[in-house]
Amino acid sequence: MSDQFSVYLDEITDKVVAAIPAASFKAMEHVRGVAVERTPLETGNLRDEAATLPTDAGARVYYPGPYARLQEYGVSESGKELRHEVGQSFYLVTAITEETPAVLEILATELRAVIE
């Protein structure tokens, strides 16, 4: 009986581990969507270039180039604070911190689905 239980747990563990990349991608895609809504808007290029990328550990939200960093932190090269008519500074950081409960729920839902 004990061996059967171990095999059963091993199967569940394998399923959960295999589901982590897709679950992480789905959770980070949610964060990307929230961050894009907060991203400063001038031409729309910065919002359009936001992407969710797979990683060895799961997934990450990516904005390319130094312009994205400049807009994220909201300070120009001269040290002057940037003003955003649409969007905000710290668009990615706030999305990550404020959406943590939603991210955890997405992960839980996705991982729970593979063991039920």
PDB file of N, CA and C in Angstrom:
ATOM      1  N   MET A   1       0.827  -1.194   0.000  1.00  0.00           N
ATOM      2  CA  MET A   1       0.000   0.000   0.000  1.00  0.00           C
ATOM      3  C   MET A   1       0.872   1.258   0.000  1.00  0.00           C
ATOM      4  N   SER A   2       1.918   1.238   0.769  1.00  0.00           N
ATOM      5  CA  SER A   2       2.813   2.391   0.868  1.00  0.00           C
ATOM      6  C   SER A   2       3.463   2.712  -0.474  1.00  0.00           C
ATOM      7  N   ASP A   3       3.900   1.679  -1.215  1.00  0.00           N
ATOM      8  CA  ASP A   3       4.525   1.901  -2.516  1.00  0.00           C
ATOM      9  C   ASP A   3       3.545   2.526  -3.503  1.00  0.00           C
ATOM     10  N   GLN A   4       2.304   2.082  -3.471  1.00  0.00           N
ATOM     11  CA  GLN A   4       1.290   2.636  -4.362  1.00  0.00           C
ATOM     12  C   GLN A   4       1.065   4.115  -4.058  1.00  0.00           C
ATOM     13  N   PHE A   5       1.055   4.453  -2.791  1.00  0.00           N
ATOM     14  CA  PHE A   5       0.854   5.840  -2.409  1.00  0.00           C
ATOM     15  C   PHE A   5       2.017   6.702  -2.892  1.00  0.00           C
ATOM     16  N   SER A   6       3.234   6.201  -2.769  1.00  0.00           N
ATOM     17  CA  SER A   6       4.413   6.934  -3.241  1.00  0.00           C
ATOM     18  C   SER A   6       4.355   7.155  -4.740  1.00  0.00           C
ATOM     19  N   VAL A   7       3.967   6.145  -5.478  1.00  0.00           N
ATOM     20  CA  VAL A   7       3.849   6.269  -6.926  1.00  0.00           C
ATOM     21  C   VAL A   7       2.788   7.305  -7.261  1.00  0.00           C
ATOM     22  N   TYR A   8       1.677   7.274  -6.556  1.00  0.00           N
ATOM     23  CA  TYR A   8       0.597   8.239  -6.773  1.00  0.00           C
ATOM     24  C   TYR A   8       1.099   9.665  -6.513  1.00  0.00           C
ATOM     25  N   LEU A   9       1.816   9.875  -5.430  1.00  0.00           N
ATOM     26  CA  LEU A   9       2.364  11.204  -5.124  1.00  0.00           C
ATOM     27  C   LEU A   9       3.389  11.631  -6.164  1.00  0.00           C
ATOM     28  N   ASP A  10       4.196  10.707  -6.623  1.00  0.00           N
ATOM     29  CA  ASP A  10       5.176  11.023  -7.672  1.00  0.00           C
ATOM     30  C   ASP A  10       4.473  11.477  -8.945  1.00  0.00           C
ATOM     31  N   GLU A  11       3.382  10.825  -9.295  1.00  0.00           N
ATOM     32  CA  GLU A  11       2.622  11.214 -10.488  1.00  0.00           C
ATOM     33  C   GLU A  11       2.055  12.626 -10.341  1.00  0.00           C
ATOM     34  N   ILE A  12       1.514  12.925  -9.173  1.00  0.00           N
ATOM     35  CA  ILE A  12       0.972  14.272  -8.913  1.00  0.00           C
ATOM     36  C   ILE A  12       2.091  15.305  -8.995  1.00  0.00           C
ATOM     37  N   THR A  13       3.213  15.017  -8.372  1.00  0.00           N
ATOM     38  CA  THR A  13       4.347  15.938  -8.401  1.00  0.00           C
ATOM     39  C   THR A  13       4.795  16.192  -9.833  1.00  0.00           C
ATOM     40  N   ASP A  14       4.888  15.148 -10.625  1.00  0.00           N
ATOM     41  CA  ASP A  14       5.290  15.302 -12.025  1.00  0.00           C
ATOM     42  C   ASP A  14       4.310  16.180 -12.790  1.00  0.00           C
ATOM     43  N   LYS A  15       3.020  15.986 -12.562  1.00  0.00           N
ATOM     44  CA  LYS A  15       2.001  16.792 -13.242  1.00  0.00           C
ATOM     45  C   LYS A  15       2.102  18.262 -12.839  1.00  0.00           C
ATOM     46  N   VAL A  16       2.284  18.511 -11.559  1.00  0.00           N
ATOM     47  CA  VAL A  16       2.383  19.892 -11.069  1.00  0.00           C
ATOM     48  C   VAL A  16       3.634  20.569 -11.634  1.00  0.00           C
ATOM     49  N   VAL A  17       4.749  19.895 -11.568  1.00  0.00           N
ATOM     50  CA  VAL A  17       5.998  20.466 -12.090  1.00  0.00           C
ATOM     51  C   VAL A  17       5.866  20.751 -13.587  1.00  0.00           C
ATOM     52  N   ALA A  18       5.238  19.858 -14.322  1.00  0.00           N
ATOM     53  CA  ALA A  18       5.057  20.062 -15.759  1.00  0.00           C
ATOM     54  C   ALA A  18       4.122  21.235 -16.052  1.00  0.00           C
ATOM     55  N   ALA A  19       3.194  21.519 -15.149  1.00  0.00           N
ATOM     56  CA  ALA A  19       2.215  22.596 -15.355  1.00  0.00           C
ATOM     57  C   ALA A  19       2.738  23.972 -14.954  1.00  0.00           C
ATOM     58  N   ILE A  20       3.836  24.038 -14.227  1.00  0.00           N
ATOM     59  CA  ILE A  20       4.338  25.322 -13.725  1.00  0.00           C
ATOM     60  C   ILE A  20       4.651  26.328 -14.828  1.00  0.00           C
ATOM     61  N   PRO A  21       5.349  25.967 -15.887  1.00  0.00           N
ATOM     62  CA  PRO A  21       5.637  26.981 -16.919  1.00  0.00           C
ATOM     63  C   PRO A  21       4.383  27.623 -17.516  1.00  0.00           C
ATOM     64  N   ALA A  22       3.401  26.825 -17.867  1.00  0.00           N
ATOM     65  CA  ALA A  22       2.172  27.378 -18.455  1.00  0.00           C
ATOM     66  C   ALA A  22       1.402  28.207 -17.438  1.00  0.00           C
ATOM     67  N   ALA A  23       1.360  27.757 -16.192  1.00  0.00           N
ATOM     68  CA  ALA A  23       0.669  28.505 -15.146  1.00  0.00           C
ATOM     69  C   ALA A  23       1.368  29.836 -14.892  1.00  0.00           C
ATOM     70  N   SER A  24       2.681  29.821 -14.853  1.00  0.00           N
ATOM     71  CA  SER A  24       3.448  31.050 -14.655  1.00  0.00           C
ATOM     72  C   SER A  24       3.244  32.011 -15.816  1.00  0.00           C
ATOM     73  N   PHE A  25       3.229  31.484 -17.023  1.00  0.00           N
ATOM     74  CA  PHE A  25       3.015  32.321 -18.196  1.00  0.00           C
ATOM     75  C   PHE A  25       1.648  33.001 -18.122  1.00  0.00           C
ATOM     76  N   LYS A  26       0.630  32.235 -17.760  1.00  0.00           N
ATOM     77  CA  LYS A  26      -0.724  32.797 -17.652  1.00  0.00           C
ATOM     78  C   LYS A  26      -0.772  33.879 -16.575  1.00  0.00           C
ATOM     79  N   ALA A  27      -0.128  33.663 -15.448  1.00  0.00           N
ATOM     80  CA  ALA A  27      -0.112  34.650 -14.362  1.00  0.00           C
ATOM     81  C   ALA A  27       0.642  35.912 -14.788  1.00  0.00           C
ATOM     82  N   MET A  28       1.776  35.746 -15.448  1.00  0.00           N
ATOM     83  CA  MET A  28       2.544  36.909 -15.885  1.00  0.00           C
ATOM     84  C   MET A  28       1.852  37.646 -17.032  1.00  0.00           C
ATOM     85  N   GLU A  29       1.089  36.932 -17.823  1.00  0.00           N
ATOM     86  CA  GLU A  29       0.307  37.583 -18.874  1.00  0.00           C
ATOM     87  C   GLU A  29      -0.745  38.504 -18.239  1.00  0.00           C
ATOM     88  N   HIS A  30      -1.291  38.078 -17.115  1.00  0.00           N
ATOM     89  CA  HIS A  30      -2.221  38.938 -16.372  1.00  0.00           C
ATOM     90  C   HIS A  30      -1.503  40.209 -15.906  1.00  0.00           C
ATOM     91  N   VAL A  31      -0.315  40.058 -15.327  1.00  0.00           N
ATOM     92  CA  VAL A  31       0.466  41.211 -14.873  1.00  0.00           C
ATOM     93  C   VAL A  31       0.786  42.132 -16.047  1.00  0.00           C
ATOM     94  N   ARG A  32       1.179  41.549 -17.187  1.00  0.00           N
ATOM     95  CA  ARG A  32       1.480  42.358 -18.361  1.00  0.00           C
ATOM     96  C   ARG A  32       0.269  43.192 -18.771  1.00  0.00           C
ATOM     97  N   GLY A  33      -0.894  42.590 -18.780  1.00  0.00           N
ATOM     98  CA  GLY A  33      -2.104  43.314 -19.155  1.00  0.00           C
ATOM     99  C   GLY A  33      -2.391  44.493 -18.239  1.00  0.00           C
ATOM    100  N   VAL A  34      -2.215  44.294 -16.944  1.00  0.00           N
ATOM    101  CA  VAL A  34      -2.422  45.383 -15.983  1.00  0.00           C
ATOM    102  C   VAL A  34      -1.355  46.456 -16.174  1.00  0.00           C
ATOM    103  N   ALA A  35      -0.103  46.039 -16.337  1.00  0.00           N
ATOM    104  CA  ALA A  35       0.993  46.995 -16.513  1.00  0.00           C
ATOM    105  C   ALA A  35       0.809  47.825 -17.779  1.00  0.00           C
ATOM    106  N   VAL A  36       0.363  47.199 -18.858  1.00  0.00           N
ATOM    107  CA  VAL A  36       0.165  47.927 -20.113  1.00  0.00           C
ATOM    108  C   VAL A  36      -0.857  49.042 -19.932  1.00  0.00           C
ATOM    109  N   GLU A  37      -1.909  48.781 -19.185  1.00  0.00           N
ATOM    110  CA  GLU A  37      -2.918  49.816 -18.937  1.00  0.00           C
ATOM    111  C   GLU A  37      -2.330  51.002 -18.170  1.00  0.00           C
ATOM    112  N   ARG A  38      -1.287  50.761 -17.398  1.00  0.00           N
ATOM    113  CA  ARG A  38      -0.648  51.811 -16.593  1.00  0.00           C
ATOM    114  C   ARG A  38       0.554  52.448 -17.287  1.00  0.00           C
ATOM    115  N   THR A  39       1.003  51.837 -18.375  1.00  0.00           N
ATOM    116  CA  THR A  39       2.188  52.303 -19.080  1.00  0.00           C
ATOM    117  C   THR A  39       1.938  53.670 -19.704  1.00  0.00           C
ATOM    118  N   PRO A  40       2.880  54.615 -19.548  1.00  0.00           N
ATOM    119  CA  PRO A  40       2.715  55.932 -20.181  1.00  0.00           C
ATOM    120  C   PRO A  40       2.443  55.785 -21.675  1.00  0.00           C
ATOM    121  N   LEU A  41       1.570  56.641 -22.168  1.00  0.00           N
ATOM    122  CA  LEU A  41       1.150  56.567 -23.561  1.00  0.00           C
ATOM    123  C   LEU A  41       1.459  57.875 -24.266  1.00  0.00           C
ATOM    124  N   GLU A  42       2.338  57.779 -25.245  1.00  0.00           N
ATOM    125  CA  GLU A  42       2.590  58.916 -26.133  1.00  0.00           C
ATOM    126  C   GLU A  42       2.273  58.472 -27.552  1.00  0.00           C
ATOM    127  N   THR A  43       3.038  57.502 -28.038  1.00  0.00           N
ATOM    128  CA  THR A  43       2.788  56.970 -29.387  1.00  0.00           C
ATOM    129  C   THR A  43       2.154  55.583 -29.334  1.00  0.00           C
ATOM    130  N   GLY A  44       2.240  54.928 -28.196  1.00  0.00           N
ATOM    131  CA  GLY A  44       1.731  53.566 -28.059  1.00  0.00           C
ATOM    132  C   GLY A  44       2.781  52.497 -28.250  1.00  0.00           C
ATOM    133  N   ASN A  45       3.984  52.886 -28.699  1.00  0.00           N
ATOM    134  CA  ASN A  45       5.040  51.896 -28.951  1.00  0.00           C
ATOM    135  C   ASN A  45       5.434  51.144 -27.690  1.00  0.00           C
ATOM    136  N   LEU A  46       5.567  51.844 -26.578  1.00  0.00           N
ATOM    137  CA  LEU A  46       6.002  51.196 -25.341  1.00  0.00           C
ATOM    138  C   LEU A  46       4.975  50.152 -24.906  1.00  0.00           C
ATOM    139  N   ARG A  47       3.714  50.498 -24.993  1.00  0.00           N
ATOM    140  CA  ARG A  47       2.669  49.539 -24.643  1.00  0.00           C
ATOM    141  C   ARG A  47       2.672  48.343 -25.596  1.00  0.00           C
ATOM    142  N   ASP A  48       2.852  48.616 -26.872  1.00  0.00           N
ATOM    143  CA  ASP A  48       2.830  47.550 -27.877  1.00  0.00           C
ATOM    144  C   ASP A  48       4.001  46.585 -27.739  1.00  0.00           C
ATOM    145  N   GLU A  49       5.112  47.056 -27.204  1.00  0.00           N
ATOM    146  CA  GLU A  49       6.312  46.222 -27.110  1.00  0.00           C
ATOM    147  C   GLU A  49       6.374  45.386 -25.835  1.00  0.00           C
ATOM    148  N   ALA A  50       5.465  45.606 -24.917  1.00  0.00           N
ATOM    149  CA  ALA A  50       5.440  44.786 -23.701  1.00  0.00           C
ATOM    150  C   ALA A  50       5.158  43.339 -24.091  1.00  0.00           C
ATOM    151  N   ALA A  51       5.866  42.425 -23.452  1.00  0.00           N
ATOM    152  CA  ALA A  51       5.709  41.006 -23.796  1.00  0.00           C
ATOM    153  C   ALA A  51       5.831  40.140 -22.550  1.00  0.00           C
ATOM    154  N   THR A  52       5.222  38.991 -22.616  1.00  0.00           N
ATOM    155  CA  THR A  52       5.407  37.964 -21.596  1.00  0.00           C
ATOM    156  C   THR A  52       6.311  36.915 -22.222  1.00  0.00           C
ATOM    157  N   LEU A  53       7.431  36.658 -21.557  1.00  0.00           N
ATOM    158  CA  LEU A  53       8.428  35.730 -22.094  1.00  0.00           C
ATOM    159  C   LEU A  53       8.605  34.535 -21.170  1.00  0.00           C
ATOM    160  N   PRO A  54       8.708  33.342 -21.740  1.00  0.00           N
ATOM    161  CA  PRO A  54       9.000  32.173 -20.908  1.00  0.00           C
ATOM    162  C   PRO A  54      10.446  32.226 -20.402  1.00  0.00           C
ATOM    163  N   THR A  55      10.667  31.700 -19.208  1.00  0.00           N
ATOM    164  CA  THR A  55      12.010  31.592 -18.632  1.00  0.00           C
ATOM    165  C   THR A  55      12.191  30.164 -18.107  1.00  0.00           C
ATOM    166  N   ASP A  56      13.390  29.864 -17.651  1.00  0.00           N
ATOM    167  CA  ASP A  56      13.629  28.547 -17.062  1.00  0.00           C
ATOM    168  C   ASP A  56      12.762  28.330 -15.821  1.00  0.00           C
ATOM    169  N   ALA A  57      12.490  29.413 -15.086  1.00  0.00           N
ATOM    170  CA  ALA A  57      11.715  29.314 -13.849  1.00  0.00           C
ATOM    171  C   ALA A  57      10.214  29.489 -14.068  1.00  0.00           C
ATOM    172  N   GLY A  58       9.799  29.951 -15.236  1.00  0.00           N
ATOM    173  CA  GLY A  58       8.379  30.167 -15.485  1.00  0.00           C
ATOM    174  C   GLY A  58       8.150  31.180 -16.581  1.00  0.00           C
ATOM    175  N   ALA A  59       8.008  32.469 -16.189  1.00  0.00           N
ATOM    176  CA  ALA A  59       7.763  33.527 -17.164  1.00  0.00           C
ATOM    177  C   ALA A  59       8.072  34.877 -16.534  1.00  0.00           C
ATOM    178  N   ARG A  60       8.240  35.889 -17.415  1.00  0.00           N
ATOM    179  CA  ARG A  60       8.476  37.243 -16.930  1.00  0.00           C
ATOM    180  C   ARG A  60       7.848  38.238 -17.896  1.00  0.00           C
ATOM    181  N   VAL A  61       7.562  39.424 -17.363  1.00  0.00           N
ATOM    182  CA  VAL A  61       7.063  40.512 -18.199  1.00  0.00           C
ATOM    183  C   VAL A  61       8.266  41.324 -18.634  1.00  0.00           C
ATOM    184  N   TYR A  62       8.309  41.677 -19.922  1.00  0.00           N
ATOM    185  CA  TYR A  62       9.474  42.339 -20.495  1.00  0.00           C
ATOM    186  C   TYR A  62       9.046  43.579 -21.268  1.00  0.00           C
ATOM    187  N   TYR A  63       9.741  44.675 -21.003  1.00  0.00           N
ATOM    188  CA  TYR A  63       9.660  45.897 -21.796  1.00  0.00           C
ATOM    189  C   TYR A  63      11.056  46.156 -22.338  1.00  0.00           C
ATOM    190  N   PRO A  64      11.230  46.307 -23.643  1.00  0.00           N
ATOM    191  CA  PRO A  64      12.571  46.445 -24.204  1.00  0.00           C
ATOM    192  C   PRO A  64      13.139  47.864 -24.081  1.00  0.00           C
ATOM    193  N   GLY A  65      14.446  47.919 -23.956  1.00  0.00           N
ATOM    194  CA  GLY A  65      15.182  49.165 -24.107  1.00  0.00           C
ATOM    195  C   GLY A  65      15.229  50.100 -22.922  1.00  0.00           C
ATOM    196  N   PRO A  66      16.155  51.041 -23.015  1.00  0.00           N
ATOM    197  CA  PRO A  66      16.347  52.016 -21.933  1.00  0.00           C
ATOM    198  C   PRO A  66      15.169  52.978 -21.780  1.00  0.00           C
ATOM    199  N   TYR A  67      14.410  53.204 -22.847  1.00  0.00           N
ATOM    200  CA  TYR A  67      13.257  54.102 -22.754  1.00  0.00           C
ATOM    201  C   TYR A  67      12.216  53.557 -21.767  1.00  0.00           C
ATOM    202  N   ALA A  68      12.023  52.251 -21.765  1.00  0.00           N
ATOM    203  CA  ALA A  68      11.077  51.630 -20.830  1.00  0.00           C
ATOM    204  C   ALA A  68      11.529  51.849 -19.394  1.00  0.00           C
ATOM    205  N   ARG A  69      12.828  51.713 -19.154  1.00  0.00           N
ATOM    206  CA  ARG A  69      13.365  51.940 -17.804  1.00  0.00           C
ATOM    207  C   ARG A  69      13.187  53.400 -17.399  1.00  0.00           C
ATOM    208  N   LEU A  70      13.466  54.299 -18.308  1.00  0.00           N
ATOM    209  CA  LEU A  70      13.303  55.729 -18.040  1.00  0.00           C
ATOM    210  C   LEU A  70      11.858  56.031 -17.650  1.00  0.00           C
ATOM    211  N   GLN A  71      10.916  55.496 -18.395  1.00  0.00           N
ATOM    212  CA  GLN A  71       9.510  55.743 -18.104  1.00  0.00           C
ATOM    213  C   GLN A  71       9.061  55.044 -16.818  1.00  0.00           C
ATOM    214  N   GLU A  72       9.580  53.859 -16.552  1.00  0.00           N
ATOM    215  CA  GLU A  72       9.227  53.125 -15.322  1.00  0.00           C
ATOM    216  C   GLU A  72       9.588  53.939 -14.088  1.00  0.00           C
ATOM    217  N   TYR A  73      10.802  54.477 -14.078  1.00  0.00           N
ATOM    218  CA  TYR A  73      11.259  55.200 -12.895  1.00  0.00           C
ATOM    219  C   TYR A  73      10.855  56.666 -12.899  1.00  0.00           C
ATOM    220  N   GLY A  74      10.395  57.181 -14.043  1.00  0.00           N
ATOM    221  CA  GLY A  74       9.799  58.500 -14.096  1.00  0.00           C
ATOM    222  C   GLY A  74      10.728  59.666 -13.907  1.00  0.00           C
ATOM    223  N   VAL A  75      12.013  59.478 -14.176  1.00  0.00           N
ATOM    224  CA  VAL A  75      12.984  60.557 -14.028  1.00  0.00           C
ATOM    225  C   VAL A  75      13.816  60.630 -15.304  1.00  0.00           C
ATOM    226  N   SER A  76      13.941  61.829 -15.852  1.00  0.00           N
ATOM    227  CA  SER A  76      14.707  61.989 -17.085  1.00  0.00           C
ATOM    228  C   SER A  76      16.207  61.898 -16.800  1.00  0.00           C
ATOM    229  N   GLU A  77      17.007  61.867 -17.847  1.00  0.00           N
ATOM    230  CA  GLU A  77      18.455  61.782 -17.694  1.00  0.00           C
ATOM    231  C   GLU A  77      19.008  62.985 -16.942  1.00  0.00           C
ATOM    232  N   SER A  78      18.322  64.102 -17.024  1.00  0.00           N
ATOM    233  CA  SER A  78      18.779  65.305 -16.315  1.00  0.00           C
ATOM    234  C   SER A  78      18.320  65.315 -14.856  1.00  0.00           C
ATOM    235  N   GLY A  79      17.600  64.275 -14.447  1.00  0.00           N
ATOM    236  CA  GLY A  79      17.121  64.202 -13.071  1.00  0.00           C
ATOM    237  C   GLY A  79      15.768  64.857 -12.867  1.00  0.00           C
ATOM    238  N   LYS A  80      15.184  65.338 -13.938  1.00  0.00           N
ATOM    239  CA  LYS A  80      13.891  66.001 -13.861  1.00  0.00           C
ATOM    240  C   LYS A  80      12.772  64.954 -13.874  1.00  0.00           C
ATOM    241  N   GLU A  81      11.770  65.138 -13.011  1.00  0.00           N
ATOM    242  CA  GLU A  81      10.651  64.205 -12.950  1.00  0.00           C
ATOM    243  C   GLU A  81       9.814  64.303 -14.221  1.00  0.00           C
ATOM    244  N   LEU A  82       9.476  63.142 -14.775  1.00  0.00           N
ATOM    245  CA  LEU A  82       8.657  63.100 -15.982  1.00  0.00           C
ATOM    246  C   LEU A  82       7.183  63.261 -15.600  1.00  0.00           C
ATOM    247  N   ARG A  83       6.439  63.911 -16.483  1.00  0.00           N
ATOM    248  CA  ARG A  83       4.998  64.041 -16.291  1.00  0.00           C
ATOM    249  C   ARG A  83       4.314  63.142 -17.314  1.00  0.00           C
ATOM    250  N   HIS A  84       3.340  62.398 -16.852  1.00  0.00           N
ATOM    251  CA  HIS A  84       2.613  61.492 -17.732  1.00  0.00           C
ATOM    252  C   HIS A  84       1.162  61.945 -17.825  1.00  0.00           C
ATOM    253  N   GLU A  85       0.764  62.350 -19.021  1.00  0.00           N
ATOM    254  CA  GLU A  85      -0.639  62.722 -19.243  1.00  0.00           C
ATOM    255  C   GLU A  85      -1.520  61.470 -19.127  1.00  0.00           C
ATOM    256  N   VAL A  86      -1.040  60.364 -19.705  1.00  0.00           N
ATOM    257  CA  VAL A  86      -1.739  59.087 -19.641  1.00  0.00           C
ATOM    258  C   VAL A  86      -0.730  58.058 -19.158  1.00  0.00           C
ATOM    259  N   GLY A  87      -1.098  57.305 -18.152  1.00  0.00           N
ATOM    260  CA  GLY A  87      -0.187  56.317 -17.589  1.00  0.00           C
ATOM    261  C   GLY A  87       0.527  56.863 -16.367  1.00  0.00           C
ATOM    262  N   GLN A  88       1.500  56.116 -15.890  1.00  0.00           N
ATOM    263  CA  GLN A  88       2.171  56.485 -14.643  1.00  0.00           C
ATOM    264  C   GLN A  88       3.584  55.926 -14.602  1.00  0.00           C
ATOM    265  N   SER A  89       4.383  56.476 -13.727  1.00  0.00           N
ATOM    266  CA  SER A  89       5.681  55.886 -13.416  1.00  0.00           C
ATOM    267  C   SER A  89       5.420  54.617 -12.604  1.00  0.00           C
ATOM    268  N   PHE A  90       6.389  53.752 -12.541  1.00  0.00           N
ATOM    269  CA  PHE A  90       6.301  52.493 -11.790  1.00  0.00           C
ATOM    270  C   PHE A  90       5.122  51.643 -12.250  1.00  0.00           C
ATOM    271  N   TYR A  91       4.841  51.690 -13.542  1.00  0.00           N
ATOM    272  CA  TYR A  91       3.723  50.931 -14.101  1.00  0.00           C
ATOM    273  C   TYR A  91       3.894  49.434 -13.933  1.00  0.00           C
ATOM    274  N   LEU A  92       5.128  48.948 -14.022  1.00  0.00           N
ATOM    275  CA  LEU A  92       5.360  47.516 -13.876  1.00  0.00           C
ATOM    276  C   LEU A  92       5.457  47.111 -12.407  1.00  0.00           C
ATOM    277  N   VAL A  93       6.176  47.875 -11.623  1.00  0.00           N
ATOM    278  CA  VAL A  93       6.339  47.558 -10.198  1.00  0.00           C
ATOM    279  C   VAL A  93       4.991  47.544  -9.487  1.00  0.00           C
ATOM    280  N   THR A  94       4.155  48.546  -9.749  1.00  0.00           N
ATOM    281  CA  THR A  94       2.857  48.579  -9.073  1.00  0.00           C
ATOM    282  C   THR A  94       1.957  47.439  -9.547  1.00  0.00           C
ATOM    283  N   ALA A  95       2.042  47.100 -10.821  1.00  0.00           N
ATOM    284  CA  ALA A  95       1.243  45.974 -11.314  1.00  0.00           C
ATOM    285  C   ALA A  95       1.657  44.679 -10.616  1.00  0.00           C
ATOM    286  N   ILE A  96       2.949  44.484 -10.462  1.00  0.00           N
ATOM    287  CA  ILE A  96       3.436  43.269  -9.801  1.00  0.00           C
ATOM    288  C   ILE A  96       2.993  43.222  -8.343  1.00  0.00           C
ATOM    289  N   THR A  97       3.202  44.307  -7.620  1.00  0.00           N
ATOM    290  CA  THR A  97       2.882  44.289  -6.190  1.00  0.00           C
ATOM    291  C   THR A  97       1.379  44.252  -5.933  1.00  0.00           C
ATOM    292  N   GLU A  98       0.617  45.013  -6.682  1.00  0.00           N
ATOM    293  CA  GLU A  98      -0.824  45.060  -6.447  1.00  0.00           C
ATOM    294  C   GLU A  98      -1.554  43.831  -6.979  1.00  0.00           C
ATOM    295  N   GLU A  99      -0.991  43.168  -7.942  1.00  0.00           N
ATOM    296  CA  GLU A  99      -1.648  42.001  -8.531  1.00  0.00           C
ATOM    297  C   GLU A  99      -1.171  40.674  -7.943  1.00  0.00           C
ATOM    298  N   THR A 100      -0.349  40.713  -6.907  1.00  0.00           N
ATOM    299  CA  THR A 100       0.137  39.476  -6.290  1.00  0.00           C
ATOM    300  C   THR A 100      -0.997  38.530  -5.899  1.00  0.00           C
ATOM    301  N   PRO A 101      -2.064  39.011  -5.247  1.00  0.00           N
ATOM    302  CA  PRO A 101      -3.153  38.072  -4.921  1.00  0.00           C
ATOM    303  C   PRO A 101      -3.766  37.425  -6.173  1.00  0.00           C
ATOM    304  N   ALA A 102      -3.936  38.190  -7.233  1.00  0.00           N
ATOM    305  CA  ALA A 102      -4.495  37.638  -8.475  1.00  0.00           C
ATOM    306  C   ALA A 102      -3.526  36.634  -9.090  1.00  0.00           C
ATOM    307  N   VAL A 103      -2.235  36.942  -9.057  1.00  0.00           N
ATOM    308  CA  VAL A 103      -1.222  36.021  -9.589  1.00  0.00           C
ATOM    309  C   VAL A 103      -1.250  34.699  -8.821  1.00  0.00           C
ATOM    310  N   LEU A 104      -1.309  34.788  -7.509  1.00  0.00           N
ATOM    311  CA  LEU A 104      -1.355  33.570  -6.696  1.00  0.00           C
ATOM    312  C   LEU A 104      -2.618  32.762  -6.977  1.00  0.00           C
ATOM    313  N   GLU A 105      -3.730  33.452  -7.178  1.00  0.00           N
ATOM    314  CA  GLU A 105      -4.979  32.757  -7.488  1.00  0.00           C
ATOM    315  C   GLU A 105      -4.908  32.070  -8.855  1.00  0.00           C
ATOM    316  N   ILE A 106      -4.334  32.750  -9.834  1.00  0.00           N
ATOM    317  CA  ILE A 106      -4.173  32.135 -11.160  1.00  0.00           C
ATOM    318  C   ILE A 106      -3.297  30.892 -11.058  1.00  0.00           C
ATOM    319  N   LEU A 107      -2.174  31.017 -10.358  1.00  0.00           N
ATOM    320  CA  LEU A 107      -1.282  29.866 -10.191  1.00  0.00           C
ATOM    321  C   LEU A 107      -1.995  28.719  -9.480  1.00  0.00           C
ATOM    322  N   ALA A 108      -2.702  29.031  -8.401  1.00  0.00           N
ATOM    323  CA  ALA A 108      -3.412  27.995  -7.644  1.00  0.00           C
ATOM    324  C   ALA A 108      -4.465  27.302  -8.505  1.00  0.00           C
ATOM    325  N   THR A 109      -5.221  28.081  -9.257  1.00  0.00           N
ATOM    326  CA  THR A 109      -6.263  27.518 -10.116  1.00  0.00           C
ATOM    327  C   THR A 109      -5.660  26.598 -11.167  1.00  0.00           C
ATOM    328  N   GLU A 110      -4.604  27.061 -11.822  1.00  0.00           N
ATOM    329  CA  GLU A 110      -3.970  26.267 -12.870  1.00  0.00           C
ATOM    330  C   GLU A 110      -3.351  24.994 -12.321  1.00  0.00           C
ATOM    331  N   LEU A 111      -2.689  25.082 -11.185  1.00  0.00           N
ATOM    332  CA  LEU A 111      -2.027  23.907 -10.628  1.00  0.00           C
ATOM    333  C   LEU A 111      -3.046  22.951 -10.002  1.00  0.00           C
ATOM    334  N   ARG A 112      -4.091  23.509  -9.408  1.00  0.00           N
ATOM    335  CA  ARG A 112      -5.142  22.679  -8.837  1.00  0.00           C
ATOM    336  C   ARG A 112      -5.819  21.842  -9.938  1.00  0.00           C
ATOM    337  N   ALA A 113      -5.970  22.433 -11.112  1.00  0.00           N
ATOM    338  CA  ALA A 113      -6.643  21.745 -12.214  1.00  0.00           C
ATOM    339  C   ALA A 113      -5.905  20.476 -12.645  1.00  0.00           C
ATOM    340  N   VAL A 114      -4.605  20.438 -12.477  1.00  0.00           N
ATOM    341  CA  VAL A 114      -3.860  19.233 -12.914  1.00  0.00           C
ATOM    342  C   VAL A 114      -3.899  18.113 -11.894  1.00  0.00           C
ATOM    343  N   ILE A 115      -4.317  18.416 -10.664  1.00  0.00           N
ATOM    344  CA  ILE A 115      -4.351  17.346  -9.648  1.00  0.00           C
ATOM    345  C   ILE A 115      -5.767  16.923  -9.295  1.00  0.00           C
ATOM    346  N   GLU A 116      -6.746  17.572  -9.861  1.00  0.00           N
ATOM    347  CA  GLU A 116      -8.136  17.185  -9.551  1.00  0.00           C
ATOM    348  C   GLU A 116      -8.636  16.112 -10.474  1.00  0.00           C
TER     349      GLU A 116
END
